[in-house]
C-alpha atoms as a PDB file:
ATOM      1  CA  GLY A   1     134.682 100.839 111.294  1.00  0.00           C
ATOM      2  CA  GLU A   2     136.646  97.661 111.486  1.00  0.00           C
ATOM      3  CA  GLY A   3     136.111  95.556 114.459  1.00  0.00           C
ATOM      4  CA  THR A   4     132.336  96.031 114.820  1.00  0.00           C
ATOM      5  CA  LEU A   5     130.196  92.980 115.576  1.00  0.00           C
ATOM      6  CA  LEU A   6     126.525  92.695 116.176  1.00  0.00           C
ATOM      7  CA  THR A   7     124.983  90.063 118.352  1.00  0.00           C
ATOM      8  CA  MET A   8     121.547  89.480 119.267  1.00  0.00           C
ATOM      9  CA  GLU A   9     120.473  88.504 122.860  1.00  0.00           C
ATOM     10  CA  GLY A  10     117.005  88.318 124.153  1.00  0.00           C
ATOM     11  CA  GLY A  11     115.490  90.230 121.332  1.00  0.00           C
ATOM     12  CA  ILE A  12     118.064  93.067 121.482  1.00  0.00           C
ATOM     13  CA  VAL A  13     120.844  93.569 119.021  1.00  0.00           C
ATOM     14  CA  ASN A  14     124.118  94.586 120.649  1.00  0.00           C
ATOM     15  CA  LEU A  15     126.685  96.588 118.854  1.00  0.00           C
ATOM     16  CA  VAL A  16     130.116  95.380 120.019  1.00  0.00           C
ATOM     17  CA  ARG A  17     133.465  97.116 119.352  1.00  0.00           C
ATOM     18  CA  ALA A  18     136.837  95.795 120.929  1.00  0.00           C
ATOM     19  CA  GLY A  19     134.851  93.221 123.119  1.00  0.00           C
ATOM     20  CA  GLU A  20     132.640  95.849 124.790  1.00  0.00           C
ATOM     21  CA  VAL A  21     128.845  96.645 124.129  1.00  0.00           C
ATOM     22  CA  VAL A  22     128.924 100.336 122.917  1.00  0.00           C
ATOM     23  CA  ALA A  23     125.332 100.552 121.855  1.00  0.00           C
ATOM     24  CA  LYS A  24     122.080  98.636 121.461  1.00  0.00           C
ATOM     25  CA  LEU A  25     119.755  98.552 118.625  1.00  0.00           C
ATOM     26  CA  GLU A  26     116.303  98.052 120.277  1.00  0.00           C
ATOM     27  CA  ALA A  27     112.676  99.137 119.956  1.00  0.00           C
ATOM     28  CA  GLU A  28     110.627  99.285 123.170  1.00  0.00           C
ATOM     29  CA  GLU A  29     108.468  96.229 123.609  1.00  0.00           C
ATOM     30  CA  ASP A  30     109.087  95.062 120.167  1.00  0.00           C
ATOM     31  CA  PRO A  31     111.785  92.318 120.212  1.00  0.00           C
ATOM     32  CA  THR A  32     114.153  91.486 117.151  1.00  0.00           C
ATOM     33  CA  SER A  33     113.705  88.276 115.476  1.00  0.00           C
ATOM     34  CA  CYS A  34     116.575  88.555 113.048  1.00  0.00           C
ATOM     35  CA  PHE A  35     119.187  91.122 111.743  1.00  0.00           C
ATOM     36  CA  SER A  36     121.261  91.846 108.645  1.00  0.00           C
ATOM     37  CA  LEU A  37     124.421  93.757 108.152  1.00  0.00           C
ATOM     38  CA  LEU A  38     125.644  95.336 105.155  1.00  0.00           C
ATOM     39  CA  GLY A  39     129.123  97.002 105.011  1.00  0.00           C
ATOM     40  CA  GLN A  40     130.110  98.469 108.486  1.00  0.00           C
ATOM     41  CA  GLU A  41     127.068 100.740 108.818  1.00  0.00           C
ATOM     42  CA  ASP A  42     123.734  99.670 107.341  1.00  0.00           C
ATOM     43  CA  VAL A  43     121.663  97.291 109.637  1.00  0.00           C
ATOM     44  CA  ALA A  44     118.176  95.868 109.099  1.00  0.00           C
ATOM     45  CA  THR A  45     116.238  94.518 111.993  1.00  0.00           C
ATOM     46  CA  CYS A  46     112.894  92.447 111.789  1.00  0.00           C
ATOM     47  CA  HIS A  47     110.751  92.615 114.663  1.00  0.00           C
ATOM     48  CA  ARG A  48     108.135  90.226 116.302  1.00  0.00           C
ATOM     49  CA  SER A  49     105.470  93.286 115.514  1.00  0.00           C
ATOM     50  CA  GLY A  50     106.099  92.769 111.870  1.00  0.00           C
ATOM     51  CA  LEU A  51     108.166  95.975 111.554  1.00  0.00           C
ATOM     52  CA  VAL A  52     111.286  96.181 109.751  1.00  0.00           C
ATOM     53  CA  ARG A  53     113.813  98.918 111.023  1.00  0.00           C
ATOM     54  CA  LEU A  54     116.788 100.160 108.919  1.00  0.00           C
ATOM     55  CA  TRP A  55     119.518 101.734 111.021  1.00  0.00           C
ATOM     56  CA  GLN A  56     122.697 103.718 110.267  1.00  0.00           C
ATOM     57  CA  CYS A  57     125.450 102.751 112.600  1.00  0.00           C
ATOM     58  CA  GLY A  58     128.447 105.131 112.300  1.00  0.00           C
ATOM     59  CA  GLU A  59     130.645 106.254 115.054  1.00  0.00           C
ATOM     60  CA  GLY A  60     127.756 108.019 117.129  1.00  0.00           C
ATOM     61  CA  GLU A  61     124.779 106.425 118.703  1.00  0.00           C
ATOM     62  CA  PRO A  62     122.858 104.254 116.204  1.00  0.00           C
ATOM     63  CA  GLN A  63     119.994 105.851 114.430  1.00  0.00           C
ATOM     64  CA  VAL A  64     116.670 104.528 112.944  1.00  0.00           C
ATOM     65  CA  VAL A  65     116.606 105.965 109.348  1.00  0.00           C
ATOM     66  CA  ARG A  66     113.258 104.113 108.327  1.00  0.00           C
ATOM     67  CA  THR A  67     110.404 101.875 109.594  1.00  0.00           C
ATOM     68  CA  PHE A  68     108.104  99.937 107.366  1.00  0.00           C
ATOM     69  CA  ARG A  69     105.709  97.171 108.010  1.00  0.00           C
ATOM     70  CA  SER A  70     106.542  93.778 106.457  1.00  0.00           C
ATOM     71  CA  ILE A  71     103.772  91.804 104.967  1.00  0.00           C
ATOM     72  CA  HIS A  72     104.691  88.367 106.071  1.00  0.00           C
ATOM     73  CA  THR A  73     101.853  86.488 107.841  1.00  0.00           C
ATOM     74  CA  GLY A  74     103.675  85.509 111.028  1.00  0.00           C
ATOM     75  CA  PRO A  75     107.347  86.295 111.980  1.00  0.00           C
ATOM     76  CA  ILE A  76     110.491  86.883 109.890  1.00  0.00           C
ATOM     77  CA  ALA A  77     112.754  83.993 110.486  1.00  0.00           C
ATOM     78  CA  VAL A  78     115.921  85.335 108.221  1.00  0.00           C
ATOM     79  CA  CYS A  79     116.908  88.316 106.389  1.00  0.00           C
ATOM     80  CA  HIS A  80     119.470  89.454 104.188  1.00  0.00           C
ATOM     81  CA  LEU A  81     120.866  93.017 103.168  1.00  0.00           C
ATOM     82  CA  HIS A  82     122.379  92.893  99.812  1.00  0.00           C
ATOM     83  CA  ARG A  83     124.088  95.747  97.465  1.00  0.00           C
ATOM     84  CA  LEU A  84     123.584  95.323  93.843  1.00  0.00           C
ATOM     85  CA  ALA A  85     126.785  95.007  91.908  1.00  0.00           C
ATOM     86  CA  SER A  86     125.110  96.603  88.719  1.00  0.00           C
ATOM     87  CA  THR A  87     123.512  99.898  90.433  1.00  0.00           C
ATOM     88  CA  GLY A  88     124.954  99.974  94.145  1.00  0.00           C
ATOM     89  CA  GLY A  89     121.373  99.996  95.205  1.00  0.00           C
ATOM     90  CA  ARG A  90     120.392  97.992  98.182  1.00  0.00           C
ATOM     91  CA  LEU A  91     117.787  95.133  98.525  1.00  0.00           C
ATOM     92  CA  LEU A  92     116.461  93.583 101.489  1.00  0.00           C
ATOM     93  CA  ALA A  93     115.250  90.013 101.352  1.00  0.00           C
ATOM     94  CA  THR A  94     113.294  88.565 104.137  1.00  0.00           C
ATOM     95  CA  GLY A  95     112.290  84.734 104.757  1.00  0.00           C
ATOM     96  CA  GLY A  96     109.278  84.132 106.823  1.00  0.00           C
ATOM     97  CA  THR A  97     107.733  81.358 108.793  1.00  0.00           C
ATOM     98  CA  ASP A  98     104.990  81.359 106.234  1.00  0.00           C
ATOM     99  CA  GLY A  99     106.864  79.839 103.362  1.00  0.00           C
ATOM    100  CA  SER A 100     107.546  82.899 101.567  1.00  0.00           C
ATOM    101  CA  VAL A 101     110.433  85.197 100.733  1.00  0.00           C
ATOM    102  CA  LYS A 102     109.955  88.781  99.937  1.00  0.00           C
ATOM    103  CA  VAL A 103     112.316  91.350  98.611  1.00  0.00           C
ATOM    104  CA  TRP A 104     112.377  95.408  99.010  1.00  0.00           C
ATOM    105  CA  ASP A 105     114.061  97.752  96.911  1.00  0.00           C
ATOM    106  CA  LEU A 106     115.457 100.082  99.623  1.00  0.00           C
ATOM    107  CA  GLU A 107     116.516 103.092  97.328  1.00  0.00           C
ATOM    108  CA  ALA A 108     112.957 103.025  95.739  1.00  0.00           C
ATOM    109  CA  GLN A 109     111.368 102.325  98.919  1.00  0.00           C
ATOM    110  CA  TYR A 110     109.043  99.745  97.187  1.00  0.00           C
ATOM    111  CA  TYR A 111     108.187  95.998  97.899  1.00  0.00           C
ATOM    112  CA  THR A 112     109.115  94.218  94.863  1.00  0.00           C
ATOM    113  CA  HIS A 113     108.885  90.281  94.960  1.00  0.00           C
ATOM    114  CA  ASN A 114     106.647  87.841  96.578  1.00  0.00           C
ATOM    115  CA  LEU A 115     108.145  84.294  96.227  1.00  0.00           C
ATOM    116  CA  ARG A 116     106.633  81.402  97.719  1.00  0.00           C
ATOM    117  CA  ALA A 117     108.422  78.081  98.296  1.00  0.00           C
ATOM    118  CA  PRO A 118     107.091  74.728  97.018  1.00  0.00           C
ATOM    119  CA  GLY A 119     105.764  72.991 100.018  1.00  0.00           C
ATOM    120  CA  GLY A 120     106.173  76.119 102.165  1.00  0.00           C
ATOM    121  CA  GLY A 121     107.754  75.885 105.608  1.00  0.00           C
ATOM    122  CA  VAL A 122     110.101  77.941 107.717  1.00  0.00           C
ATOM    123  CA  ALA A 123     112.644  79.713 105.789  1.00  0.00           C
ATOM    124  CA  THR A 124     116.290  78.891 107.445  1.00  0.00           C
ATOM    125  CA  THR A 125     118.507  80.957 104.981  1.00  0.00           C
ATOM    126  CA  VAL A 126     118.330  83.409 102.303  1.00  0.00           C
ATOM    127  CA  VAL A 127     121.181  84.902 100.136  1.00  0.00           C
ATOM    128  CA  LEU A 128     121.356  86.775  96.908  1.00  0.00           C
ATOM    129  CA  HIS A 129     123.678  86.038  93.978  1.00  0.00           C
ATOM    130  CA  PRO A 130     126.787  88.512  93.983  1.00  0.00           C
ATOM    131  CA  THR A 131     126.393  89.222  90.176  1.00  0.00           C
ATOM    132  CA  LYS A 132     123.071  88.037  88.900  1.00  0.00           C
ATOM    133  CA  LEU A 133     119.529  88.850  89.899  1.00  0.00           C
ATOM    134  CA  LEU A 134     118.901  85.480  91.386  1.00  0.00           C
ATOM    135  CA  LEU A 135     117.905  84.798  95.062  1.00  0.00           C
ATOM    136  CA  TYR A 136     118.350  81.508  96.828  1.00  0.00           C
ATOM    137  CA  ALA A 137     116.592  80.392 100.136  1.00  0.00           C
ATOM    138  CA  GLY A 138     116.643  77.240 102.143  1.00  0.00           C
ATOM    139  CA  PHE A 139     113.950  75.893 104.347  1.00  0.00           C
ATOM    140  CA  ALA A 140     113.387  73.505 107.508  1.00  0.00           C
ATOM    141  CA  SER A 141     112.135  70.990 105.290  1.00  0.00           C
ATOM    142  CA  GLY A 142     115.513  70.726 103.405  1.00  0.00           C
ATOM    143  CA  GLY A 143     113.960  72.577 100.356  1.00  0.00           C
ATOM    144  CA  LEU A 144     116.459  74.673  98.543  1.00  0.00           C
ATOM    145  CA  PHE A 145     115.346  76.847  95.581  1.00  0.00           C
ATOM    146  CA  CYS A 146     116.598  79.758  93.222  1.00  0.00           C
ATOM    147  CA  TRP A 147     114.220  82.370  91.951  1.00  0.00           C
ATOM    148  CA  ASP A 148     114.963  84.846  89.088  1.00  0.00           C
ATOM    149  CA  LEU A 149     114.107  88.188  90.106  1.00  0.00           C
ATOM    150  CA  THR A 150     113.594  89.583  86.705  1.00  0.00           C
ATOM    151  CA  THR A 151     110.798  87.240  86.047  1.00  0.00           C
ATOM    152  CA  SER A 152     109.843  86.362  89.755  1.00  0.00           C
ATOM    153  CA  LYS A 153     109.871  82.772  88.539  1.00  0.00           C
ATOM    154  CA  LEU A 154     111.188  79.740  90.333  1.00  0.00           C
ATOM    155  CA  ALA A 155     114.660  79.214  88.218  1.00  0.00           C
ATOM    156  CA  ALA A 156     115.781  76.084  89.955  1.00  0.00           C
ATOM    157  CA  THR A 157     115.112  73.441  92.711  1.00  0.00           C
ATOM    158  CA  LEU A 158     118.366  72.303  94.429  1.00  0.00           C
ATOM    159  CA  GLU A 159     117.421  68.733  95.541  1.00  0.00           C
ATOM    160  CA  ALA A 160     120.083  67.434  98.139  1.00  0.00           C
ATOM    161  CA  HIS A 161     118.905  67.920 101.712  1.00  0.00           C
ATOM    162  CA  HIS A 162     116.559  66.124 103.810  1.00  0.00           C
ATOM    163  CA  SER A 163     116.368  68.415 106.901  1.00  0.00           C
ATOM    164  CA  ALA A 164     116.832  72.083 107.680  1.00  0.00           C
ATOM    165  CA  VAL A 165     119.270  73.840 105.375  1.00  0.00           C
ATOM    166  CA  THR A 166     121.353  75.831 107.714  1.00  0.00           C
ATOM    167  CA  GLY A 167     123.812  77.436 105.398  1.00  0.00           C
ATOM    168  CA  LEU A 168     124.415  78.510 101.831  1.00  0.00           C
ATOM    169  CA  ALA A 169     127.715  80.209 100.964  1.00  0.00           C
ATOM    170  CA  LEU A 170     128.213  81.544  97.303  1.00  0.00           C
ATOM    171  CA  ALA A 171     131.684  81.872  95.756  1.00  0.00           C
ATOM    172  CA  ALA A 172     132.512  85.676  95.177  1.00  0.00           C
ATOM    173  CA  ASP A 173     132.302  85.255  91.469  1.00  0.00           C
ATOM    174  CA  GLY A 174     129.041  83.471  91.723  1.00  0.00           C
ATOM    175  CA  SER A 175     130.167  80.280  89.985  1.00  0.00           C
ATOM    176  CA  ARG A 176     129.818  77.935  92.728  1.00  0.00           C
ATOM    177  CA  ALA A 177     128.124  77.459  96.071  1.00  0.00           C
ATOM    178  CA  VAL A 178     128.183  75.284  99.298  1.00  0.00           C
ATOM    179  CA  SER A 179     125.164  74.317 101.109  1.00  0.00           C
ATOM    180  CA  CYS A 180     124.946  72.317 104.597  1.00  0.00           C
ATOM    181  CA  GLY A 181     122.232  71.037 106.685  1.00  0.00           C
ATOM    182  CA  ARG A 182     121.151  69.166 109.732  1.00  0.00           C
ATOM    183  CA  ASP A 183     121.309  65.992 107.823  1.00  0.00           C
ATOM    184  CA  GLY A 184     124.883  65.887 108.236  1.00  0.00           C
ATOM    185  CA  VAL A 185     125.992  66.615 104.472  1.00  0.00           C
ATOM    186  CA  SER A 186     127.601  69.544 102.689  1.00  0.00           C
ATOM    187  CA  VAL A 187     126.978  69.800  98.954  1.00  0.00           C
ATOM    188  CA  VAL A 188     128.956  71.588  96.223  1.00  0.00           C
ATOM    189  CA  TRP A 189     126.657  73.121  93.509  1.00  0.00           C
ATOM    190  CA  GLU A 190     127.689  74.403  90.155  1.00  0.00           C
ATOM    191  CA  LEU A 191     125.605  77.479  89.707  1.00  0.00           C
ATOM    192  CA  ALA A 192     125.771  78.018  85.978  1.00  0.00           C
ATOM    193  CA  VAL A 193     123.340  74.911  85.560  1.00  0.00           C
ATOM    194  CA  HIS A 194     122.538  74.495  89.263  1.00  0.00           C
ATOM    195  CA  SER A 195     123.765  71.064  89.239  1.00  0.00           C
ATOM    196  CA  LYS A 196     125.153  69.082  92.270  1.00  0.00           C
ATOM    197  CA  VAL A 197     128.836  68.397  92.044  1.00  0.00           C
ATOM    198  CA  THR A 198     129.510  66.409  95.017  1.00  0.00           C
ATOM    199  CA  THR A 199     127.904  65.671  98.363  1.00  0.00           C
ATOM    200  CA  VAL A 200     130.041  65.087 101.537  1.00  0.00           C
ATOM    201  CA  PRO A 201     129.156  63.558 104.817  1.00  0.00           C
ATOM    202  CA  VAL A 202     130.508  65.772 107.528  1.00  0.00           C
ATOM    203  CA  PHE A 203     130.010  63.667 110.627  1.00  0.00           C
ATOM    204  CA  GLY A 204     127.040  65.607 112.208  1.00  0.00           C
ATOM    205  CA  PRO A 205     124.290  68.243 111.723  1.00  0.00           C
ATOM    206  CA  ALA A 206     125.956  71.451 110.266  1.00  0.00           C
ATOM    207  CA  GLU A 207     124.994  74.868 111.480  1.00  0.00           C
ATOM    208  CA  GLY A 208     126.577  76.979 109.121  1.00  0.00           C
ATOM    209  CA  VAL A 209     129.316  77.069 106.040  1.00  0.00           C
ATOM    210  CA  LEU A 210     131.723  79.577 104.780  1.00  0.00           C
ATOM    211  CA  LEU A 211     133.574  79.068 101.199  1.00  0.00           C
ATOM    212  CA  LEU A 212     137.171  79.683 101.787  1.00  0.00           C
ATOM    213  CA  GLU A 213     138.562  79.242  98.425  1.00  0.00           C
ATOM    214  CA  ASP A 214     138.026  76.826  95.527  1.00  0.00           C
ATOM    215  CA  SER A 215     136.759  73.811  97.214  1.00  0.00           C
ATOM    216  CA  LEU A 216     137.902  74.636 100.687  1.00  0.00           C
ATOM    217  CA  ALA A 217     135.049  75.230 103.083  1.00  0.00           C
ATOM    218  CA  LEU A 218     134.635  75.926 106.911  1.00  0.00           C
ATOM    219  CA  LEU A 219     132.020  74.104 108.580  1.00  0.00           C
ATOM    220  CA  ALA A 220     130.232  74.308 112.114  1.00  0.00           C
ATOM    221  CA  VAL A 221     129.421  70.863 113.154  1.00  0.00           C
ATOM    222  CA  GLY A 222     128.489  70.430 116.874  1.00  0.00           C
ATOM    223  CA  SER A 223     131.261  72.072 118.998  1.00  0.00           C
ATOM    224  CA  THR A 224     133.671  72.121 116.318  1.00  0.00           C
ATOM    225  CA  LEU A 225     134.811  74.272 113.231  1.00  0.00           C
ATOM    226  CA  SER A 226     136.493  72.148 110.842  1.00  0.00           C
ATOM    227  CA  THR A 227     138.116  72.789 107.280  1.00  0.00           C
ATOM    228  CA  TRP A 228     137.230  70.660 104.511  1.00  0.00           C
ATOM    229  CA  ASP A 229     138.578  69.939 101.046  1.00  0.00           C
ATOM    230  CA  LEU A 230     135.014  69.085  99.584  1.00  0.00           C
ATOM    231  CA  ALA A 231     136.480  68.076  96.092  1.00  0.00           C
ATOM    232  CA  LYS A 232     138.194  65.348  97.896  1.00  0.00           C
ATOM    233  CA  ALA A 233     135.520  64.716 100.546  1.00  0.00           C
ATOM    234  CA  LYS A 234     138.552  65.067 103.188  1.00  0.00           C
ATOM    235  CA  GLN A 235     138.557  66.915 106.492  1.00  0.00           C
ATOM    236  CA  LEU A 236     141.778  68.836 106.850  1.00  0.00           C
ATOM    237  CA  ASP A 237     141.638  70.173 110.436  1.00  0.00           C
ATOM    238  CA  LYS A 238     139.439  70.997 113.000  1.00  0.00           C
ATOM    239  CA  LEU A 239     139.136  73.325 116.210  1.00  0.00           C
ATOM    240  CA  GLU A 240     137.345  72.173 119.114  1.00  0.00           C
ATOM    241  CA  LEU A 241     135.423  75.060 120.664  1.00  0.00           C
ATOM    242  CA  GLY A 242     133.980  73.328 123.828  1.00  0.00           C
ATOM    243  CA  SER A 243     130.335  74.512 123.210  1.00  0.00           C
ATOM    244  CA  GLU A 244     128.064  73.891 120.364  1.00  0.00           C
ATOM    245  CA  VAL A 245     128.264  76.437 117.464  1.00  0.00           C
ATOM    246  CA  THR A 246     124.995  78.038 116.920  1.00  0.00           C
ATOM    247  CA  LEU A 247     125.925  80.442 114.191  1.00  0.00           C
ATOM    248  CA  LEU A 248     128.976  80.915 111.771  1.00  0.00           C
ATOM    249  CA  ARG A 249     129.329  84.308 109.846  1.00  0.00           C
ATOM    250  CA  PRO A 250     131.953  85.586 107.509  1.00  0.00           C
ATOM    251  CA  SER A 251     134.057  88.641 108.348  1.00  0.00           C
ATOM    252  CA  SER A 252     135.019  91.665 106.493  1.00  0.00           C
ATOM    253  CA  LEU A 253     138.668  90.880 107.316  1.00  0.00           C
ATOM    254  CA  PRO A 254     140.523  88.168 105.142  1.00  0.00           C
ATOM    255  CA  HIS A 255     140.923  84.735 106.520  1.00  0.00           C
ATOM    256  CA  THR A 256     138.702  85.681 109.557  1.00  0.00           C
ATOM    257  CA  ALA A 257     135.349  84.292 110.601  1.00  0.00           C
ATOM    258  CA  HIS A 258     133.082  84.916 113.609  1.00  0.00           C
ATOM    259  CA  CYS A 259     130.828  82.456 115.342  1.00  0.00           C
ATOM    260  CA  ALA A 260     128.553  82.212 118.387  1.00  0.00           C
ATOM    261  CA  THR A 261     128.309  79.280 120.805  1.00  0.00           C
ATOM    262  CA  ALA A 262     125.642  77.830 122.916  1.00  0.00           C
ATOM    263  CA  ASP A 263     127.204  79.101 126.057  1.00  0.00           C
ATOM    264  CA  LEU A 264     126.910  82.525 124.893  1.00  0.00           C
ATOM    265  CA  ASN A 265     130.413  83.224 123.728  1.00  0.00           C
ATOM    266  CA  LEU A 266     131.577  85.067 120.554  1.00  0.00           C
ATOM    267  CA  VAL A 267     134.734  83.518 118.975  1.00  0.00           C
ATOM    268  CA  THR A 268     136.753  85.026 116.125  1.00  0.00           C
ATOM    269  CA  VAL A 269     138.864  82.512 114.180  1.00  0.00           C
ATOM    270  CA  THR A 270     141.525  83.297 111.997  1.00  0.00           C
ATOM    271  CA  ASP A 271     143.594  81.128 109.823  1.00  0.00           C
ATOM    272  CA  ARG A 272     141.944  78.158 111.542  1.00  0.00           C
ATOM    273  CA  LYS A 273     143.295  79.402 114.844  1.00  0.00           C
ATOM    274  CA  SER A 274     141.156  80.842 117.569  1.00  0.00           C
ATOM    275  CA  VAL A 275     142.260  84.469 118.532  1.00  0.00           C
ATOM    276  CA  VAL A 276     139.664  85.649 120.803  1.00  0.00           C
END
């Protein structure tokens, strides 16, 4: 239900409710490398062994509902669970350290796509378009690519970043996106033609971005969360957290975001004010 958080520590995913760890998603001697949550109950965990586990996390104890072997050579670095707007079906996209992104249709239990990034490298972010069959992936090299899942062809190369792409946030209507990277810039994209609208220096390496509305974005840079009007290239305000922000994620609640910090704290931010 509402108020559920997932956090990863030492290869184990903790299920946190009301500030307490209520359950652990773990496999004996098989640490988790990354995980993804869909809605409030569906969770995918990717493991060092190459196995992927799908979990159901309702009110009771989390249950593994399916296990399958990924076909990445090397660990899975990032993953993303996605519900198709057209059919309600679920996809799982996984980005490897091997320069590939793979897609599974979880209803048909079928491996559907093997997408290879030009230049290879470690995948750092992967996300699917909210309404179209398009997949976006960013890499440690600064590469950012879009594939058309209907043809499995590379649809666009989004050239902007010179080091790891740490975040890509798509508008709910799929018209625009904002990317950020460790090269200290954030970029607004027009997705109809995959063109760069504006590039904004954000005063340091960014570790994540959320698109708030129009051209407003929340960026994690160093130990701060800052709100930017990217159209005007202007920082509106910032919140100092006292420790490096290592992860920034959206919430199912409006005007709310979750982040993790290097000193192992979880912080929930609402309306640009810290509430936890």
